[in-house]
N, C-alpha and C. Protein backbone atom coordinates (compact mmCIF):
# COMPACT_ATOMS: atom_id res chain seq x y z
N MET A 1 -0.47 114.37 25.66
CA MET A 1 -0.99 113.04 25.56
C MET A 1 -1.57 112.60 26.91
N GLN A 2 -0.87 112.93 27.97
CA GLN A 2 -1.35 112.55 29.29
C GLN A 2 -2.65 113.26 29.64
N LYS A 3 -2.78 114.52 29.26
CA LYS A 3 -4.02 115.25 29.52
C LYS A 3 -5.18 114.66 28.74
N PHE A 4 -4.90 114.27 27.49
CA PHE A 4 -5.95 113.67 26.67
C PHE A 4 -6.39 112.33 27.27
N ALA A 5 -5.42 111.52 27.68
CA ALA A 5 -5.74 110.23 28.31
C ALA A 5 -6.53 110.46 29.60
N GLY A 6 -6.15 111.49 30.36
CA GLY A 6 -6.88 111.82 31.59
C GLY A 6 -8.30 112.27 31.30
N ALA A 7 -8.47 113.03 30.23
CA ALA A 7 -9.82 113.47 29.84
C ALA A 7 -10.69 112.28 29.45
N LEU A 8 -10.10 111.30 28.78
CA LEU A 8 -10.85 110.09 28.45
C LEU A 8 -11.28 109.36 29.72
N GLN A 9 -10.37 109.26 30.68
CA GLN A 9 -10.71 108.61 31.94
C GLN A 9 -11.83 109.35 32.65
N GLY A 10 -11.77 110.69 32.64
CA GLY A 10 -12.78 111.50 33.29
C GLY A 10 -14.17 111.30 32.71
N GLN A 11 -14.23 110.97 31.43
CA GLN A 11 -15.52 110.73 30.77
C GLN A 11 -15.86 109.23 30.69
N ARG A 12 -15.00 108.42 31.30
CA ARG A 12 -15.15 106.96 31.27
C ARG A 12 -15.17 106.41 29.84
N ALA A 13 -14.44 107.08 28.97
CA ALA A 13 -14.33 106.62 27.58
C ALA A 13 -13.21 105.60 27.49
N LYS A 14 -13.41 104.60 26.66
CA LYS A 14 -12.41 103.56 26.49
C LYS A 14 -11.55 103.79 25.26
N LYS A 15 -12.03 104.65 24.34
CA LYS A 15 -11.30 104.90 23.10
C LYS A 15 -11.30 106.38 22.79
N GLY A 16 -10.28 106.81 22.09
CA GLY A 16 -10.20 108.20 21.67
C GLY A 16 -9.34 108.32 20.42
N ILE A 17 -9.50 109.40 19.70
CA ILE A 17 -8.71 109.67 18.51
C ILE A 17 -8.06 111.04 18.68
N LEU A 18 -6.76 111.10 18.46
CA LEU A 18 -6.04 112.36 18.53
C LEU A 18 -5.43 112.61 17.16
N ILE A 19 -5.76 113.76 16.58
CA ILE A 19 -5.33 114.10 15.23
C ILE A 19 -4.42 115.31 15.26
N THR A 20 -3.33 115.25 14.50
CA THR A 20 -2.45 116.39 14.34
C THR A 20 -2.09 116.53 12.86
N THR A 21 -1.80 117.73 12.43
CA THR A 21 -1.34 117.92 11.06
C THR A 21 0.17 117.73 10.98
N SER A 22 0.81 117.58 12.11
CA SER A 22 2.26 117.38 12.19
C SER A 22 2.53 115.89 12.40
N CYS A 23 3.41 115.57 13.33
CA CYS A 23 3.67 114.17 13.64
C CYS A 23 3.80 114.01 15.16
N PHE A 24 3.64 112.78 15.63
CA PHE A 24 3.73 112.49 17.06
C PHE A 24 5.14 112.06 17.40
N SER A 25 5.60 112.42 18.58
CA SER A 25 6.94 112.03 19.02
C SER A 25 6.94 110.54 19.36
N ALA A 26 8.13 109.98 19.39
CA ALA A 26 8.28 108.57 19.78
C ALA A 26 7.78 108.36 21.20
N GLU A 27 8.00 109.34 22.06
CA GLU A 27 7.55 109.23 23.45
C GLU A 27 6.03 109.18 23.53
N ALA A 28 5.37 109.98 22.70
CA ALA A 28 3.89 109.98 22.69
C ALA A 28 3.37 108.63 22.23
N ARG A 29 3.97 108.09 21.18
CA ARG A 29 3.55 106.78 20.68
C ARG A 29 3.79 105.68 21.72
N ASP A 30 4.94 105.75 22.40
CA ASP A 30 5.25 104.78 23.46
C ASP A 30 4.24 104.87 24.59
N TYR A 31 3.90 106.09 25.01
CA TYR A 31 2.95 106.29 26.10
C TYR A 31 1.59 105.68 25.76
N VAL A 32 1.13 105.93 24.53
CA VAL A 32 -0.17 105.39 24.10
C VAL A 32 -0.15 103.86 24.12
N GLY A 33 0.99 103.28 23.81
CA GLY A 33 1.09 101.83 23.81
C GLY A 33 1.06 101.22 25.20
N LYS A 34 1.34 102.00 26.22
CA LYS A 34 1.44 101.49 27.59
C LYS A 34 0.19 101.67 28.43
N ILE A 35 -0.75 102.49 28.00
CA ILE A 35 -1.93 102.77 28.83
C ILE A 35 -3.10 101.86 28.44
N ASP A 36 -4.08 101.78 29.33
CA ASP A 36 -5.24 100.93 29.10
C ASP A 36 -6.18 101.50 28.04
N ASN A 37 -6.37 102.81 28.06
CA ASN A 37 -7.25 103.43 27.07
C ASN A 37 -6.66 103.25 25.68
N LYS A 38 -7.50 103.00 24.73
CA LYS A 38 -7.07 102.88 23.34
C LYS A 38 -7.16 104.26 22.71
N ILE A 39 -6.02 104.78 22.30
CA ILE A 39 -5.98 106.08 21.64
C ILE A 39 -5.39 105.88 20.26
N ALA A 40 -6.16 106.23 19.23
CA ALA A 40 -5.67 106.18 17.85
C ALA A 40 -5.00 107.50 17.55
N LEU A 41 -3.77 107.41 17.05
CA LEU A 41 -3.02 108.61 16.70
C LEU A 41 -3.02 108.76 15.18
N ILE A 42 -3.53 109.89 14.71
CA ILE A 42 -3.55 110.17 13.27
C ILE A 42 -2.67 111.39 13.04
N ASP A 43 -1.54 111.16 12.36
CA ASP A 43 -0.63 112.27 12.07
C ASP A 43 -0.95 112.88 10.72
N GLY A 44 -0.19 113.89 10.34
CA GLY A 44 -0.47 114.62 9.11
C GLY A 44 -0.47 113.75 7.87
N GLN A 45 0.48 112.82 7.77
CA GLN A 45 0.57 111.92 6.62
C GLN A 45 -0.68 111.05 6.53
N LYS A 46 -1.06 110.43 7.64
CA LYS A 46 -2.24 109.57 7.65
C LYS A 46 -3.51 110.38 7.40
N LEU A 47 -3.57 111.60 7.94
CA LEU A 47 -4.71 112.47 7.71
C LEU A 47 -4.86 112.78 6.23
N ALA A 48 -3.76 113.09 5.56
CA ALA A 48 -3.80 113.37 4.12
C ALA A 48 -4.26 112.14 3.34
N GLU A 49 -3.77 110.96 3.72
CA GLU A 49 -4.19 109.72 3.06
C GLU A 49 -5.69 109.49 3.23
N LEU A 50 -6.20 109.70 4.44
CA LEU A 50 -7.63 109.53 4.68
C LEU A 50 -8.46 110.53 3.89
N MET A 51 -7.98 111.77 3.80
CA MET A 51 -8.69 112.79 3.03
C MET A 51 -8.77 112.40 1.56
N ILE A 52 -7.68 111.89 1.01
CA ILE A 52 -7.66 111.47 -0.38
C ILE A 52 -8.57 110.27 -0.58
N ASP A 53 -8.47 109.28 0.30
CA ASP A 53 -9.29 108.06 0.18
C ASP A 53 -10.78 108.36 0.22
N HIS A 54 -11.18 109.36 1.01
CA HIS A 54 -12.60 109.65 1.20
C HIS A 54 -13.06 110.93 0.49
N ASN A 55 -12.21 111.46 -0.41
CA ASN A 55 -12.55 112.66 -1.20
C ASN A 55 -13.03 113.81 -0.32
N LEU A 56 -12.30 114.07 0.73
CA LEU A 56 -12.65 115.14 1.66
C LEU A 56 -11.62 116.26 1.55
N GLY A 57 -12.05 117.41 1.08
CA GLY A 57 -11.15 118.55 0.97
C GLY A 57 -10.12 118.43 -0.13
N VAL A 58 -10.37 117.57 -1.10
CA VAL A 58 -9.45 117.39 -2.22
C VAL A 58 -10.22 117.51 -3.53
N SER A 59 -9.53 117.83 -4.61
CA SER A 59 -10.14 117.84 -5.94
C SER A 59 -9.25 117.08 -6.90
N PRO A 60 -9.86 116.36 -7.81
CA PRO A 60 -9.07 115.57 -8.76
C PRO A 60 -8.26 116.47 -9.70
N MET A 61 -7.02 116.07 -9.96
CA MET A 61 -6.17 116.80 -10.89
C MET A 61 -6.26 116.21 -12.29
N ALA A 62 -6.42 114.89 -12.38
CA ALA A 62 -6.48 114.23 -13.68
C ALA A 62 -7.24 112.92 -13.53
N THR A 63 -7.84 112.48 -14.60
CA THR A 63 -8.49 111.18 -14.63
C THR A 63 -7.97 110.43 -15.85
N TYR A 64 -8.00 109.12 -15.77
CA TYR A 64 -7.49 108.28 -16.84
C TYR A 64 -8.54 107.25 -17.21
N ASP A 65 -8.71 107.03 -18.53
CA ASP A 65 -9.59 105.98 -19.00
C ASP A 65 -8.79 104.70 -19.13
N VAL A 66 -9.32 103.62 -18.60
CA VAL A 66 -8.71 102.31 -18.76
C VAL A 66 -9.54 101.59 -19.80
N LYS A 67 -8.89 101.14 -20.88
CA LYS A 67 -9.62 100.53 -21.99
C LYS A 67 -9.17 99.10 -22.19
N ARG A 68 -10.07 98.33 -22.79
CA ARG A 68 -9.74 96.97 -23.16
C ARG A 68 -10.09 96.80 -24.62
N ILE A 69 -9.49 95.84 -25.26
CA ILE A 69 -9.75 95.60 -26.69
C ILE A 69 -11.07 94.89 -26.82
N ASP A 70 -11.87 95.35 -27.75
CA ASP A 70 -13.17 94.74 -28.03
C ASP A 70 -12.95 93.68 -29.10
N ALA A 71 -12.88 92.40 -28.69
CA ALA A 71 -12.59 91.30 -29.60
C ALA A 71 -13.65 91.16 -30.67
N ASP A 72 -14.92 91.50 -30.39
CA ASP A 72 -16.00 91.39 -31.37
C ASP A 72 -15.76 92.30 -32.58
N TYR A 73 -15.09 93.38 -32.40
CA TYR A 73 -14.82 94.34 -33.48
C TYR A 73 -13.95 93.70 -34.56
N PHE A 74 -13.05 92.80 -34.15
CA PHE A 74 -12.10 92.22 -35.09
C PHE A 74 -12.55 90.88 -35.66
N THR A 75 -13.67 90.33 -35.22
CA THR A 75 -14.15 89.07 -35.78
C THR A 75 -14.93 89.32 -37.05
N GLU A 76 -14.92 88.33 -37.92
CA GLU A 76 -15.61 88.49 -39.21
C GLU A 76 -17.06 88.14 -39.13
């Protein structure tokens, strides 16, 4: 985390995103909260949620039709 924050400083970047398929330690999250640079941490759970939300690398398993009653059908 410190190397990544240092790399951002070296490029004069104010924001960065760090992605892992695992999870971040409490110490890493605490460190990010204390520094000036804004670093977004995306762990495996959040990455999977984003992939599903944006249909990236996923395929649908099932679809469902939502129906409503057509009132005109039952009127005389």
